[in-house]
Amino acid sequence: MEFKLIKKEPITDEIIIDEIKAVMNKLGKTSITIKEFDANAKINSSTVAKHFGSWNNALVRVGANLNKKVSSYDELMNNIRNAWIMKGRQPAKRDMDDKKFSSISSASYIRHFGTWYKALESFIKYISENDVENTSDNQEVNTSSSIVKHKTKREPSDRLKVQVLMRDGNRCRICGVECSGGLHNIHFDHIKPWSKGGETTLDNLQVLCSKCNAALGNMDKN
């Protein structure tokens, strides 16, 4: 018996385009989804994304009818931000298909970024940029003994909330319980109280459950 190595032919852009067109013709559609392609093609959609940068780019190359609304980069990032806050943790791909948490499907992220992991990488870069949403023009707070001037707003921005969640998760930093509602609903607490001059910054915020937050009141947590 003679053993021979069978050389595998490389997959070219032309082969992928022909495969997408073949699936479109088979289904009688002017555009197809990733799910429809994977169910009918000999090539995986991840290979398509690697060649063209995203599934959406591949559809453009074949002249598919993109009749679905294409979300902007900011819309995609803000939707992940909202899902992260609602979940209290990094959202999984399946979370983006749950309308309770996301208004944009996971397929949209794969079309734009190639994979859900790459979408999360872009989001981490986006959310880690300087937080300009929480600045305030020297807001003054009257106390019984003095006037405290603040450079930040009291309520953290959504961007800052996600940064705190990325660092602390959704567990109370005092009792360690997972904040999921009721007595253990999540709170973004000022370590140095706002009334005592504490600013709304990442290093002065922490995750607390409502029970621990109520017990501490206006105490300085340092």
N, C-alpha and C. Protein backbone atom coordinates (compact mmCIF):
# COMPACT_ATOMS: atom_id res chain seq x y z
N MET A 1 0.86 -1.20 0.00
CA MET A 1 0.00 0.00 0.00
C MET A 1 0.89 1.25 0.00
N GLU A 2 0.56 2.14 -0.86
CA GLU A 2 1.32 3.39 -0.96
C GLU A 2 0.56 4.49 -0.23
N PHE A 3 1.26 5.17 0.67
CA PHE A 3 0.66 6.27 1.42
C PHE A 3 1.00 7.59 0.76
N LYS A 4 -0.01 8.35 0.44
CA LYS A 4 0.19 9.65 -0.20
C LYS A 4 -0.53 10.73 0.60
N LEU A 5 0.14 11.87 0.70
CA LEU A 5 -0.45 13.01 1.38
C LEU A 5 -1.31 13.78 0.39
N ILE A 6 -2.56 13.90 0.71
CA ILE A 6 -3.47 14.64 -0.16
C ILE A 6 -3.39 16.12 0.20
N LYS A 7 -2.98 16.91 -0.75
CA LYS A 7 -2.83 18.35 -0.53
C LYS A 7 -4.20 19.02 -0.59
N LYS A 8 -4.49 19.76 0.46
CA LYS A 8 -5.78 20.44 0.54
C LYS A 8 -5.70 21.79 -0.17
N GLU A 9 -6.61 22.00 -1.08
CA GLU A 9 -6.61 23.25 -1.83
C GLU A 9 -7.04 24.40 -0.91
N PRO A 10 -6.36 25.55 -1.00
CA PRO A 10 -6.72 26.71 -0.16
C PRO A 10 -8.09 27.27 -0.55
N ILE A 11 -8.78 27.77 0.45
CA ILE A 11 -10.09 28.39 0.20
C ILE A 11 -9.87 29.85 -0.17
N THR A 12 -10.28 30.22 -1.36
CA THR A 12 -10.10 31.58 -1.86
C THR A 12 -11.38 32.39 -1.68
N ASP A 13 -11.26 33.70 -1.86
CA ASP A 13 -12.43 34.57 -1.79
C ASP A 13 -13.47 34.17 -2.83
N GLU A 14 -12.99 33.79 -4.00
CA GLU A 14 -13.90 33.41 -5.09
C GLU A 14 -14.71 32.17 -4.72
N ILE A 15 -14.05 31.20 -4.07
CA ILE A 15 -14.75 29.97 -3.65
C ILE A 15 -15.84 30.31 -2.64
N ILE A 16 -15.51 31.19 -1.69
CA ILE A 16 -16.48 31.58 -0.66
C ILE A 16 -17.66 32.32 -1.28
N ILE A 17 -17.38 33.24 -2.18
CA ILE A 17 -18.45 34.00 -2.84
C ILE A 17 -19.38 33.07 -3.60
N ASP A 18 -18.79 32.12 -4.33
CA ASP A 18 -19.61 31.15 -5.08
C ASP A 18 -20.48 30.33 -4.13
N GLU A 19 -19.92 29.97 -2.94
CA GLU A 19 -20.67 29.17 -1.98
C GLU A 19 -21.84 29.96 -1.41
N ILE A 20 -21.62 31.25 -1.11
CA ILE A 20 -22.70 32.10 -0.60
C ILE A 20 -23.80 32.23 -1.65
N LYS A 21 -23.41 32.46 -2.89
CA LYS A 21 -24.39 32.58 -3.97
C LYS A 21 -25.17 31.28 -4.16
N ALA A 22 -24.48 30.16 -4.01
CA ALA A 22 -25.14 28.86 -4.18
C ALA A 22 -26.21 28.65 -3.11
N VAL A 23 -25.89 29.03 -1.87
CA VAL A 23 -26.86 28.89 -0.78
C VAL A 23 -28.04 29.83 -0.99
N MET A 24 -27.76 31.06 -1.45
CA MET A 24 -28.83 32.02 -1.72
C MET A 24 -29.76 31.49 -2.80
N ASN A 25 -29.18 30.90 -3.85
CA ASN A 25 -30.00 30.34 -4.94
C ASN A 25 -30.81 29.14 -4.44
N LYS A 26 -30.18 28.31 -3.61
CA LYS A 26 -30.86 27.13 -3.07
C LYS A 26 -32.08 27.52 -2.24
N LEU A 27 -31.92 28.58 -1.42
CA LEU A 27 -33.01 29.02 -0.55
C LEU A 27 -33.94 30.02 -1.22
N GLY A 28 -33.57 30.47 -2.42
CA GLY A 28 -34.39 31.42 -3.15
C GLY A 28 -34.47 32.78 -2.46
N LYS A 29 -33.35 33.20 -1.89
CA LYS A 29 -33.32 34.46 -1.15
C LYS A 29 -32.27 35.41 -1.72
N THR A 30 -32.50 36.72 -1.52
CA THR A 30 -31.54 37.72 -1.97
C THR A 30 -30.54 38.07 -0.87
N SER A 31 -30.75 37.50 0.31
CA SER A 31 -29.82 37.65 1.42
C SER A 31 -30.05 36.48 2.37
N ILE A 32 -28.98 36.07 3.07
CA ILE A 32 -29.10 34.95 4.00
C ILE A 32 -28.42 35.29 5.32
N THR A 33 -28.80 34.58 6.36
CA THR A 33 -28.21 34.76 7.68
C THR A 33 -27.05 33.78 7.87
N ILE A 34 -26.27 34.02 8.91
CA ILE A 34 -25.18 33.11 9.24
C ILE A 34 -25.71 31.70 9.52
N LYS A 35 -26.83 31.64 10.23
CA LYS A 35 -27.43 30.35 10.57
C LYS A 35 -27.83 29.59 9.31
N GLU A 36 -28.43 30.29 8.35
CA GLU A 36 -28.85 29.65 7.10
C GLU A 36 -27.64 29.18 6.30
N PHE A 37 -26.57 29.97 6.33
CA PHE A 37 -25.36 29.59 5.59
C PHE A 37 -24.73 28.34 6.19
N ASP A 38 -24.57 28.32 7.50
CA ASP A 38 -23.93 27.18 8.16
C ASP A 38 -24.73 25.89 8.00
N ALA A 39 -26.05 26.02 7.84
CA ALA A 39 -26.90 24.84 7.70
C ALA A 39 -26.87 24.27 6.28
N ASN A 40 -26.39 25.06 5.32
CA ASN A 40 -26.47 24.62 3.92
C ASN A 40 -25.15 24.64 3.16
N ALA A 41 -24.12 25.24 3.74
CA ALA A 41 -22.85 25.39 3.02
C ALA A 41 -21.81 24.36 3.43
N LYS A 42 -20.80 24.19 2.59
CA LYS A 42 -19.69 23.30 2.88
C LYS A 42 -18.58 24.05 3.62
N ILE A 43 -18.72 25.37 3.72
CA ILE A 43 -17.73 26.22 4.39
C ILE A 43 -18.38 26.83 5.63
N ASN A 44 -17.62 26.94 6.70
CA ASN A 44 -18.15 27.52 7.93
C ASN A 44 -18.16 29.04 7.86
N SER A 45 -19.15 29.67 8.50
CA SER A 45 -19.26 31.14 8.48
C SER A 45 -18.07 31.82 9.13
N SER A 46 -17.40 31.14 10.08
CA SER A 46 -16.22 31.73 10.71
C SER A 46 -15.09 31.91 9.70
N THR A 47 -15.02 30.98 8.73
CA THR A 47 -14.03 31.10 7.65
C THR A 47 -14.35 32.30 6.77
N VAL A 48 -15.64 32.52 6.53
CA VAL A 48 -16.07 33.67 5.74
C VAL A 48 -15.66 34.97 6.43
N ALA A 49 -15.89 35.03 7.74
CA ALA A 49 -15.57 36.24 8.52
C ALA A 49 -14.07 36.51 8.51
N LYS A 50 -13.25 35.44 8.56
CA LYS A 50 -11.80 35.61 8.55
C LYS A 50 -11.32 36.18 7.21
N HIS A 51 -11.95 35.76 6.12
CA HIS A 51 -11.55 36.22 4.79
C HIS A 51 -11.97 37.66 4.52
N PHE A 52 -13.17 38.02 4.95
CA PHE A 52 -13.72 39.33 4.58
C PHE A 52 -13.80 40.32 5.74
N GLY A 53 -13.40 39.90 6.92
CA GLY A 53 -13.44 40.81 8.07
C GLY A 53 -14.72 40.72 8.86
N SER A 54 -15.82 40.43 8.19
CA SER A 54 -17.11 40.24 8.85
C SER A 54 -18.06 39.57 7.87
N TRP A 55 -19.13 39.00 8.40
CA TRP A 55 -20.16 38.37 7.56
C TRP A 55 -20.83 39.42 6.69
N ASN A 56 -21.04 40.60 7.24
CA ASN A 56 -21.70 41.67 6.51
C ASN A 56 -20.88 42.07 5.28
N ASN A 57 -19.56 42.15 5.43
CA ASN A 57 -18.69 42.50 4.31
C ASN A 57 -18.80 41.46 3.18
N ALA A 58 -18.93 40.20 3.57
CA ALA A 58 -19.06 39.13 2.57
C ALA A 58 -20.36 39.29 1.79
N LEU A 59 -21.45 39.63 2.49
CA LEU A 59 -22.73 39.83 1.81
C LEU A 59 -22.67 40.99 0.84
N VAL A 60 -21.95 42.03 1.21
CA VAL A 60 -21.78 43.18 0.32
C VAL A 60 -21.04 42.75 -0.95
N ARG A 61 -20.03 41.91 -0.80
CA ARG A 61 -19.25 41.45 -1.95
C ARG A 61 -20.09 40.66 -2.94
N VAL A 62 -21.07 39.91 -2.46
CA VAL A 62 -21.89 39.12 -3.37
C VAL A 62 -23.12 39.90 -3.85
N GLY A 63 -23.25 41.14 -3.39
CA GLY A 63 -24.38 41.96 -3.82
C GLY A 63 -25.69 41.56 -3.18
N ALA A 64 -25.62 41.02 -1.96
CA ALA A 64 -26.85 40.61 -1.26
C ALA A 64 -27.67 41.83 -0.87
N ASN A 65 -28.96 41.62 -0.74
CA ASN A 65 -29.87 42.69 -0.36
C ASN A 65 -29.84 42.85 1.16
N LEU A 66 -29.14 43.88 1.64
CA LEU A 66 -29.04 44.12 3.08
C LEU A 66 -30.21 44.99 3.53
N ASN A 67 -31.36 44.36 3.66
CA ASN A 67 -32.56 45.12 4.00
C ASN A 67 -32.75 45.29 5.50
N LYS A 68 -31.87 44.69 6.30
CA LYS A 68 -31.99 44.85 7.75
C LYS A 68 -31.27 46.12 8.19
N LYS A 69 -31.75 46.74 9.24
CA LYS A 69 -31.13 47.94 9.78
C LYS A 69 -29.73 47.61 10.29
N VAL A 70 -28.74 48.38 9.84
CA VAL A 70 -27.37 48.17 10.29
C VAL A 70 -27.08 49.15 11.43
N SER A 71 -26.74 48.62 12.58
CA SER A 71 -26.50 49.45 13.75
C SER A 71 -25.13 50.11 13.65
N SER A 72 -25.03 51.32 14.17
CA SER A 72 -23.76 52.03 14.18
C SER A 72 -22.86 51.45 15.27
N TYR A 73 -21.58 51.83 15.22
CA TYR A 73 -20.62 51.34 16.22
C TYR A 73 -21.05 51.76 17.63
N ASP A 74 -21.44 53.02 17.79
CA ASP A 74 -21.87 53.49 19.12
C ASP A 74 -23.11 52.75 19.61
N GLU A 75 -24.04 52.46 18.70
CA GLU A 75 -25.24 51.71 19.09
C GLU A 75 -24.88 50.30 19.56
N LEU A 76 -23.95 49.67 18.86
CA LEU A 76 -23.51 48.32 19.24
C LEU A 76 -22.83 48.34 20.60
N MET A 77 -21.97 49.33 20.82
CA MET A 77 -21.24 49.43 22.09
C MET A 77 -22.18 49.77 23.25
N ASN A 78 -23.10 50.71 23.02
CA ASN A 78 -24.03 51.11 24.08
C ASN A 78 -24.98 49.97 24.45
N ASN A 79 -25.31 49.13 23.47
CA ASN A 79 -26.18 47.99 23.76
C ASN A 79 -25.47 46.97 24.64
N ILE A 80 -24.19 46.72 24.38
CA ILE A 80 -23.41 45.83 25.26
C ILE A 80 -23.32 46.44 26.65
N ARG A 81 -23.10 47.74 26.72
CA ARG A 81 -23.02 48.43 28.01
C ARG A 81 -24.29 48.25 28.81
N ASN A 82 -25.44 48.43 28.17
CA ASN A 82 -26.72 48.27 28.86
C ASN A 82 -26.92 46.83 29.33
N ALA A 83 -26.56 45.87 28.48
CA ALA A 83 -26.71 44.46 28.84
C ALA A 83 -25.79 44.11 30.01
N TRP A 84 -24.58 44.67 30.01
CA TRP A 84 -23.62 44.40 31.09
C TRP A 84 -24.16 44.90 32.43
N ILE A 85 -24.75 46.10 32.41
CA ILE A 85 -25.31 46.67 33.65
C ILE A 85 -26.51 45.85 34.13
N MET A 86 -27.38 45.46 33.20
CA MET A 86 -28.57 44.70 33.57
C MET A 86 -28.22 43.31 34.09
N LYS A 87 -27.20 42.68 33.48
CA LYS A 87 -26.78 41.35 33.92
C LYS A 87 -25.89 41.42 35.15
N GLY A 88 -25.22 42.55 35.34
CA GLY A 88 -24.29 42.68 36.46
C GLY A 88 -22.98 41.95 36.21
N ARG A 89 -22.74 41.56 34.97
CA ARG A 89 -21.53 40.82 34.59
C ARG A 89 -21.35 40.91 33.09
N GLN A 90 -20.23 40.36 32.62
CA GLN A 90 -19.98 40.33 31.18
C GLN A 90 -21.06 39.50 30.49
N PRO A 91 -21.78 40.08 29.54
CA PRO A 91 -22.84 39.31 28.87
C PRO A 91 -22.26 38.25 27.94
N ALA A 92 -22.89 37.09 27.94
CA ALA A 92 -22.51 36.01 27.03
C ALA A 92 -23.20 36.22 25.69
N LYS A 93 -22.75 35.51 24.69
CA LYS A 93 -23.34 35.61 23.36
C LYS A 93 -24.83 35.34 23.41
N ARG A 94 -25.25 34.33 24.18
CA ARG A 94 -26.66 33.97 24.25
C ARG A 94 -27.50 35.09 24.89
N ASP A 95 -26.88 35.89 25.76
CA ASP A 95 -27.60 37.00 26.41
C ASP A 95 -28.05 38.04 25.38
N MET A 96 -27.28 38.19 24.32
CA MET A 96 -27.60 39.21 23.32
C MET A 96 -28.80 38.82 22.47
N ASP A 97 -29.23 37.56 22.57
CA ASP A 97 -30.42 37.12 21.85
C ASP A 97 -31.66 37.11 22.75
N ASP A 98 -31.49 37.59 23.98
CA ASP A 98 -32.59 37.71 24.93
C ASP A 98 -33.05 39.17 24.93
N LYS A 99 -34.26 39.41 24.45
CA LYS A 99 -34.75 40.78 24.29
C LYS A 99 -34.91 41.52 25.61
N LYS A 100 -34.87 40.80 26.73
CA LYS A 100 -34.94 41.46 28.03
C LYS A 100 -33.65 42.25 28.30
N PHE A 101 -32.56 41.83 27.69
CA PHE A 101 -31.27 42.44 27.97
C PHE A 101 -30.67 43.16 26.77
N SER A 102 -31.07 42.78 25.57
CA SER A 102 -30.40 43.32 24.38
C SER A 102 -31.40 43.62 23.26
N SER A 103 -31.21 44.75 22.62
CA SER A 103 -32.05 45.12 21.48
C SER A 103 -31.38 44.78 20.16
N ILE A 104 -30.15 44.27 20.23
CA ILE A 104 -29.39 43.89 19.03
C ILE A 104 -28.94 42.44 19.19
N SER A 105 -29.16 41.63 18.19
CA SER A 105 -28.87 40.20 18.29
C SER A 105 -27.37 39.92 18.20
N SER A 106 -26.99 38.74 18.66
CA SER A 106 -25.58 38.33 18.58
C SER A 106 -25.13 38.23 17.13
N ALA A 107 -26.05 37.88 16.23
CA ALA A 107 -25.71 37.76 14.81
C ALA A 107 -25.23 39.10 14.25
N SER A 108 -25.82 40.19 14.73
CA SER A 108 -25.40 41.52 14.27
C SER A 108 -23.96 41.80 14.68
N TYR A 109 -23.59 41.38 15.87
CA TYR A 109 -22.22 41.59 16.34
C TYR A 109 -21.25 40.73 15.53
N ILE A 110 -21.65 39.52 15.19
CA ILE A 110 -20.79 38.64 14.39
C ILE A 110 -20.63 39.19 12.98
N ARG A 111 -21.72 39.78 12.44
CA ARG A 111 -21.62 40.40 11.11
C ARG A 111 -20.63 41.56 11.12
N HIS A 112 -20.63 42.33 12.21
CA HIS A 112 -19.75 43.50 12.27
C HIS A 112 -18.31 43.16 12.65
N PHE A 113 -18.14 42.22 13.60
CA PHE A 113 -16.81 41.98 14.17
C PHE A 113 -16.21 40.62 13.83
N GLY A 114 -16.98 39.73 13.27
CA GLY A 114 -16.47 38.41 12.92
C GLY A 114 -16.80 37.36 13.97
N THR A 115 -16.58 37.69 15.26
CA THR A 115 -16.91 36.79 16.36
C THR A 115 -17.41 37.63 17.55
N TRP A 116 -18.10 36.98 18.48
CA TRP A 116 -18.57 37.67 19.68
C TRP A 116 -17.39 38.10 20.54
N TYR A 117 -16.33 37.28 20.57
CA TYR A 117 -15.15 37.63 21.37
C TYR A 117 -14.50 38.92 20.86
N LYS A 118 -14.43 39.09 19.55
CA LYS A 118 -13.86 40.31 18.98
C LYS A 118 -14.75 41.52 19.29
N ALA A 119 -16.06 41.29 19.35
CA ALA A 119 -16.98 42.38 19.72
C ALA A 119 -16.70 42.82 21.16
N LEU A 120 -16.48 41.85 22.05
CA LEU A 120 -16.17 42.16 23.45
C LEU A 120 -14.83 42.87 23.56
N GLU A 121 -13.85 42.47 22.76
CA GLU A 121 -12.55 43.14 22.77
C GLU A 121 -12.70 44.62 22.39
N SER A 122 -13.52 44.89 21.37
CA SER A 122 -13.77 46.27 20.96
C SER A 122 -14.48 47.04 22.05
N PHE A 123 -15.41 46.35 22.74
CA PHE A 123 -16.15 47.01 23.81
C PHE A 123 -15.23 47.38 24.98
N ILE A 124 -14.32 46.48 25.36
CA ILE A 124 -13.39 46.75 26.46
C ILE A 124 -12.56 47.99 26.14
N LYS A 125 -12.11 48.10 24.91
CA LYS A 125 -11.35 49.27 24.49
C LYS A 125 -12.22 50.52 24.54
N TYR A 126 -13.46 50.40 24.08
CA TYR A 126 -14.40 51.52 24.06
C TYR A 126 -14.73 52.00 25.48
N ILE A 127 -15.00 51.07 26.39
CA ILE A 127 -15.46 51.43 27.72
C ILE A 127 -14.31 51.89 28.61
N SER A 128 -13.07 51.54 28.24
CA SER A 128 -11.91 51.89 29.05
C SER A 128 -11.34 53.26 28.69
N GLU A 129 -11.91 53.90 27.69
CA GLU A 129 -11.47 55.25 27.34
C GLU A 129 -11.84 56.21 28.46
N ASN A 130 -11.22 57.39 28.46
CA ASN A 130 -11.47 58.37 29.51
C ASN A 130 -12.95 58.66 29.66
N ASP A 131 -13.42 58.65 30.89
CA ASP A 131 -14.84 58.87 31.18
C ASP A 131 -15.10 60.37 31.27
N VAL A 132 -15.70 60.93 30.21
CA VAL A 132 -15.98 62.36 30.19
C VAL A 132 -17.44 62.64 30.53
N GLU A 133 -18.22 61.58 30.75
CA GLU A 133 -19.65 61.77 30.99
C GLU A 133 -19.95 62.19 32.42
N ASN A 134 -19.01 61.98 33.34
CA ASN A 134 -19.31 62.19 34.75
C ASN A 134 -18.74 63.49 35.31
N THR A 135 -18.15 64.32 34.46
CA THR A 135 -17.58 65.57 34.94
C THR A 135 -18.68 66.57 35.24
N SER A 136 -18.42 67.45 36.21
CA SER A 136 -19.38 68.46 36.61
C SER A 136 -18.65 69.77 36.87
N ASP A 137 -19.29 70.87 36.60
CA ASP A 137 -18.67 72.18 36.81
C ASP A 137 -18.77 72.61 38.26
N ASN A 138 -17.86 72.03 39.08
CA ASN A 138 -17.76 72.42 40.48
C ASN A 138 -19.12 72.45 41.19
N GLN A 139 -19.81 71.33 41.17
CA GLN A 139 -21.10 71.24 41.85
C GLN A 139 -20.91 71.39 43.35
N GLU A 140 -21.74 72.21 43.97
CA GLU A 140 -21.62 72.48 45.41
C GLU A 140 -22.67 71.70 46.19
N VAL A 141 -22.25 71.16 47.35
CA VAL A 141 -23.15 70.44 48.24
C VAL A 141 -23.06 71.06 49.61
N ASN A 142 -24.21 71.49 50.14
CA ASN A 142 -24.24 72.10 51.47
C ASN A 142 -24.30 71.03 52.55
N THR A 143 -23.40 71.13 53.53
CA THR A 143 -23.46 70.28 54.71
C THR A 143 -23.69 71.18 55.91
N SER A 144 -23.86 70.58 57.07
CA SER A 144 -24.15 71.37 58.27
C SER A 144 -23.00 72.29 58.65
N SER A 145 -21.78 71.94 58.24
CA SER A 145 -20.64 72.73 58.66
C SER A 145 -19.89 73.43 57.54
N SER A 146 -20.08 72.99 56.31
CA SER A 146 -19.31 73.59 55.22
C SER A 146 -19.98 73.32 53.87
N ILE A 147 -19.42 73.91 52.84
CA ILE A 147 -19.86 73.68 51.47
C ILE A 147 -18.80 72.86 50.76
N VAL A 148 -19.19 71.71 50.25
CA VAL A 148 -18.26 70.82 49.55
C VAL A 148 -18.42 71.02 48.05
N LYS A 149 -17.31 71.28 47.36
CA LYS A 149 -17.34 71.45 45.91
C LYS A 149 -16.90 70.15 45.24
N HIS A 150 -17.66 69.74 44.25
CA HIS A 150 -17.37 68.50 43.54
C HIS A 150 -17.00 68.77 42.09
N LYS A 151 -16.09 67.95 41.58
CA LYS A 151 -15.70 68.02 40.18
C LYS A 151 -16.47 67.01 39.33
N THR A 152 -17.20 66.11 40.00
CA THR A 152 -17.95 65.08 39.29
C THR A 152 -19.42 65.10 39.73
N LYS A 153 -20.26 64.48 38.91
CA LYS A 153 -21.67 64.34 39.26
C LYS A 153 -21.80 63.22 40.29
N ARG A 154 -22.87 63.25 41.08
CA ARG A 154 -23.04 62.25 42.13
C ARG A 154 -23.34 60.87 41.54
N GLU A 155 -24.23 60.80 40.58
CA GLU A 155 -24.63 59.52 39.99
C GLU A 155 -23.61 59.10 38.94
N PRO A 156 -23.01 57.92 39.06
CA PRO A 156 -22.04 57.48 38.05
C PRO A 156 -22.70 57.26 36.70
N SER A 157 -21.97 57.57 35.65
CA SER A 157 -22.47 57.33 34.30
C SER A 157 -22.53 55.83 34.03
N ASP A 158 -23.26 55.45 33.00
CA ASP A 158 -23.34 54.03 32.65
C ASP A 158 -21.96 53.48 32.30
N ARG A 159 -21.15 54.29 31.65
CA ARG A 159 -19.80 53.86 31.30
C ARG A 159 -19.00 53.54 32.57
N LEU A 160 -19.11 54.41 33.58
CA LEU A 160 -18.39 54.21 34.83
C LEU A 160 -18.93 53.01 35.61
N LYS A 161 -20.24 52.79 35.54
CA LYS A 161 -20.84 51.62 36.21
C LYS A 161 -20.25 50.32 35.65
N VAL A 162 -20.10 50.28 34.32
CA VAL A 162 -19.55 49.07 33.71
C VAL A 162 -18.10 48.88 34.14
N GLN A 163 -17.34 49.98 34.24
CA GLN A 163 -15.95 49.88 34.68
C GLN A 163 -15.88 49.31 36.09
N VAL A 164 -16.80 49.72 36.97
CA VAL A 164 -16.84 49.20 38.34
C VAL A 164 -17.22 47.71 38.31
N LEU A 165 -18.20 47.35 37.48
CA LEU A 165 -18.61 45.95 37.37
C LEU A 165 -17.50 45.07 36.80
N MET A 166 -16.74 45.61 35.86
CA MET A 166 -15.62 44.87 35.29
C MET A 166 -14.58 44.58 36.37
N ARG A 167 -14.42 45.51 37.29
CA ARG A 167 -13.43 45.33 38.36
C ARG A 167 -13.96 44.47 39.51
N ASP A 168 -15.20 44.73 39.95
CA ASP A 168 -15.75 44.07 41.14
C ASP A 168 -16.66 42.89 40.82
N GLY A 169 -17.13 42.78 39.58
CA GLY A 169 -18.18 41.81 39.29
C GLY A 169 -19.48 42.32 39.90
N ASN A 170 -20.44 41.46 40.11
CA ASN A 170 -21.70 41.90 40.72
C ASN A 170 -21.84 41.31 42.13
N ARG A 171 -20.70 41.24 42.82
CA ARG A 171 -20.71 40.76 44.21
C ARG A 171 -20.37 41.90 45.17
N CYS A 172 -21.10 41.93 46.27
CA CYS A 172 -20.89 42.95 47.30
C CYS A 172 -19.47 42.83 47.83
N ARG A 173 -18.75 43.94 47.91
CA ARG A 173 -17.37 43.91 48.37
C ARG A 173 -17.26 43.76 49.89
N ILE A 174 -18.40 43.80 50.59
CA ILE A 174 -18.37 43.62 52.04
C ILE A 174 -18.76 42.19 52.42
N CYS A 175 -19.95 41.75 51.99
CA CYS A 175 -20.41 40.41 52.39
C CYS A 175 -20.15 39.35 51.32
N GLY A 176 -19.82 39.78 50.11
CA GLY A 176 -19.48 38.83 49.06
C GLY A 176 -20.64 38.21 48.33
N VAL A 177 -21.88 38.59 48.71
CA VAL A 177 -23.05 37.99 48.08
C VAL A 177 -23.20 38.48 46.65
N GLU A 178 -23.74 37.63 45.79
CA GLU A 178 -24.04 38.04 44.41
C GLU A 178 -25.26 38.93 44.42
N CYS A 179 -25.14 40.11 43.84
CA CYS A 179 -26.24 41.07 43.84
C CYS A 179 -27.22 40.72 42.73
N SER A 180 -28.38 40.21 43.13
CA SER A 180 -29.34 39.72 42.14
C SER A 180 -30.75 40.22 42.37
N GLY A 181 -30.95 41.09 43.37
CA GLY A 181 -32.28 41.64 43.60
C GLY A 181 -32.68 41.60 45.06
N GLY A 182 -33.80 42.26 45.40
CA GLY A 182 -34.29 42.26 46.77
C GLY A 182 -33.32 42.93 47.73
N LEU A 183 -33.04 42.28 48.86
CA LEU A 183 -32.09 42.81 49.85
C LEU A 183 -30.69 42.92 49.27
N HIS A 184 -30.45 42.17 48.22
CA HIS A 184 -29.11 42.15 47.65
C HIS A 184 -29.08 42.78 46.26
N ASN A 185 -29.93 43.76 46.06
CA ASN A 185 -29.90 44.52 44.83
C ASN A 185 -28.59 45.29 44.76
N ILE A 186 -28.08 45.52 43.56
CA ILE A 186 -26.76 46.13 43.41
C ILE A 186 -26.80 47.65 43.64
N HIS A 187 -25.77 48.16 44.33
CA HIS A 187 -25.59 49.59 44.55
C HIS A 187 -24.17 49.97 44.18
N PHE A 188 -24.00 51.14 43.57
CA PHE A 188 -22.68 51.68 43.28
C PHE A 188 -22.38 52.72 44.35
N ASP A 189 -21.57 52.32 45.32
CA ASP A 189 -21.38 53.08 46.55
C ASP A 189 -20.09 53.90 46.52
N HIS A 190 -20.17 55.14 47.07
CA HIS A 190 -18.98 55.97 47.24
C HIS A 190 -18.22 55.49 48.47
N ILE A 191 -16.96 55.10 48.32
CA ILE A 191 -16.14 54.65 49.45
C ILE A 191 -15.95 55.81 50.42
N LYS A 192 -15.48 56.94 49.91
CA LYS A 192 -15.51 58.18 50.70
C LYS A 192 -16.82 58.86 50.35
N PRO A 193 -17.72 59.04 51.33
CA PRO A 193 -19.06 59.54 51.02
C PRO A 193 -19.06 60.83 50.21
N TRP A 194 -20.04 60.92 49.34
CA TRP A 194 -20.22 62.11 48.50
C TRP A 194 -20.36 63.36 49.36
N SER A 195 -21.10 63.26 50.45
CA SER A 195 -21.34 64.42 51.32
C SER A 195 -20.08 64.89 52.03
N LYS A 196 -19.05 64.02 52.05
CA LYS A 196 -17.80 64.39 52.72
C LYS A 196 -16.69 64.70 51.71
N GLY A 197 -17.09 64.94 50.48
CA GLY A 197 -16.12 65.33 49.46
C GLY A 197 -15.67 64.22 48.54
N GLY A 198 -16.18 63.00 48.73
CA GLY A 198 -15.79 61.89 47.85
C GLY A 198 -16.30 62.09 46.43
N GLU A 199 -15.44 61.85 45.46
CA GLU A 199 -15.82 62.05 44.06
C GLU A 199 -16.35 60.76 43.44
N THR A 200 -17.06 60.93 42.34
CA THR A 200 -17.61 59.77 41.62
C THR A 200 -16.59 59.33 40.58
N THR A 201 -15.60 58.60 41.07
CA THR A 201 -14.52 58.10 40.23
C THR A 201 -14.38 56.59 40.45
N LEU A 202 -13.68 55.94 39.53
CA LEU A 202 -13.54 54.49 39.61
C LEU A 202 -12.91 54.05 40.92
N ASP A 203 -11.87 54.77 41.39
CA ASP A 203 -11.19 54.34 42.61
C ASP A 203 -11.97 54.68 43.88
N ASN A 204 -13.07 55.47 43.75
CA ASN A 204 -13.88 55.80 44.93
C ASN A 204 -15.25 55.14 44.88
N LEU A 205 -15.45 54.22 43.94
CA LEU A 205 -16.73 53.52 43.84
C LEU A 205 -16.52 52.03 44.08
N GLN A 206 -17.53 51.39 44.61
CA GLN A 206 -17.49 49.94 44.84
C GLN A 206 -18.90 49.38 44.73
N VAL A 207 -18.98 48.09 44.45
CA VAL A 207 -20.27 47.40 44.41
C VAL A 207 -20.64 46.96 45.82
N LEU A 208 -21.84 47.33 46.25
CA LEU A 208 -22.40 46.87 47.52
C LEU A 208 -23.81 46.35 47.26
N CYS A 209 -24.25 45.39 48.08
CA CYS A 209 -25.66 45.00 48.03
C CYS A 209 -26.45 46.03 48.83
N SER A 210 -27.74 46.11 48.60
CA SER A 210 -28.56 47.12 49.27
C SER A 210 -28.55 46.96 50.78
N LYS A 211 -28.45 45.72 51.27
CA LYS A 211 -28.44 45.47 52.71
C LYS A 211 -27.20 46.08 53.36
N CYS A 212 -26.03 45.82 52.80
CA CYS A 212 -24.79 46.37 53.35
C CYS A 212 -24.73 47.88 53.17
N ASN A 213 -25.23 48.37 52.05
CA ASN A 213 -25.21 49.80 51.79
C ASN A 213 -26.06 50.54 52.82
N ALA A 214 -27.23 49.97 53.14
CA ALA A 214 -28.11 50.59 54.14
C ALA A 214 -27.51 50.54 55.54
N ALA A 215 -26.80 49.45 55.83
CA ALA A 215 -26.19 49.30 57.16
C ALA A 215 -25.06 50.28 57.37
N LEU A 216 -24.30 50.57 56.31
CA LEU A 216 -23.17 51.49 56.42
C LEU A 216 -23.60 52.94 56.44
N GLY A 217 -24.69 53.23 55.74
CA GLY A 217 -25.21 54.59 55.69
C GLY A 217 -24.17 55.54 55.12
N ASN A 218 -23.88 56.60 55.86
CA ASN A 218 -22.97 57.65 55.39
C ASN A 218 -21.58 57.49 55.99
N MET A 219 -21.24 56.29 56.48
CA MET A 219 -19.93 56.06 57.08
C MET A 219 -18.85 56.09 56.01
N ASP A 220 -17.66 56.55 56.41
CA ASP A 220 -16.49 56.49 55.55
C ASP A 220 -15.98 55.05 55.57
N LYS A 221 -15.89 54.41 54.39
CA LYS A 221 -15.51 52.99 54.32
C LYS A 221 -14.01 52.78 54.30
N ASN A 222 -13.19 53.83 54.31
CA ASN A 222 -11.74 53.67 54.30
C ASN A 222 -11.27 53.10 55.64
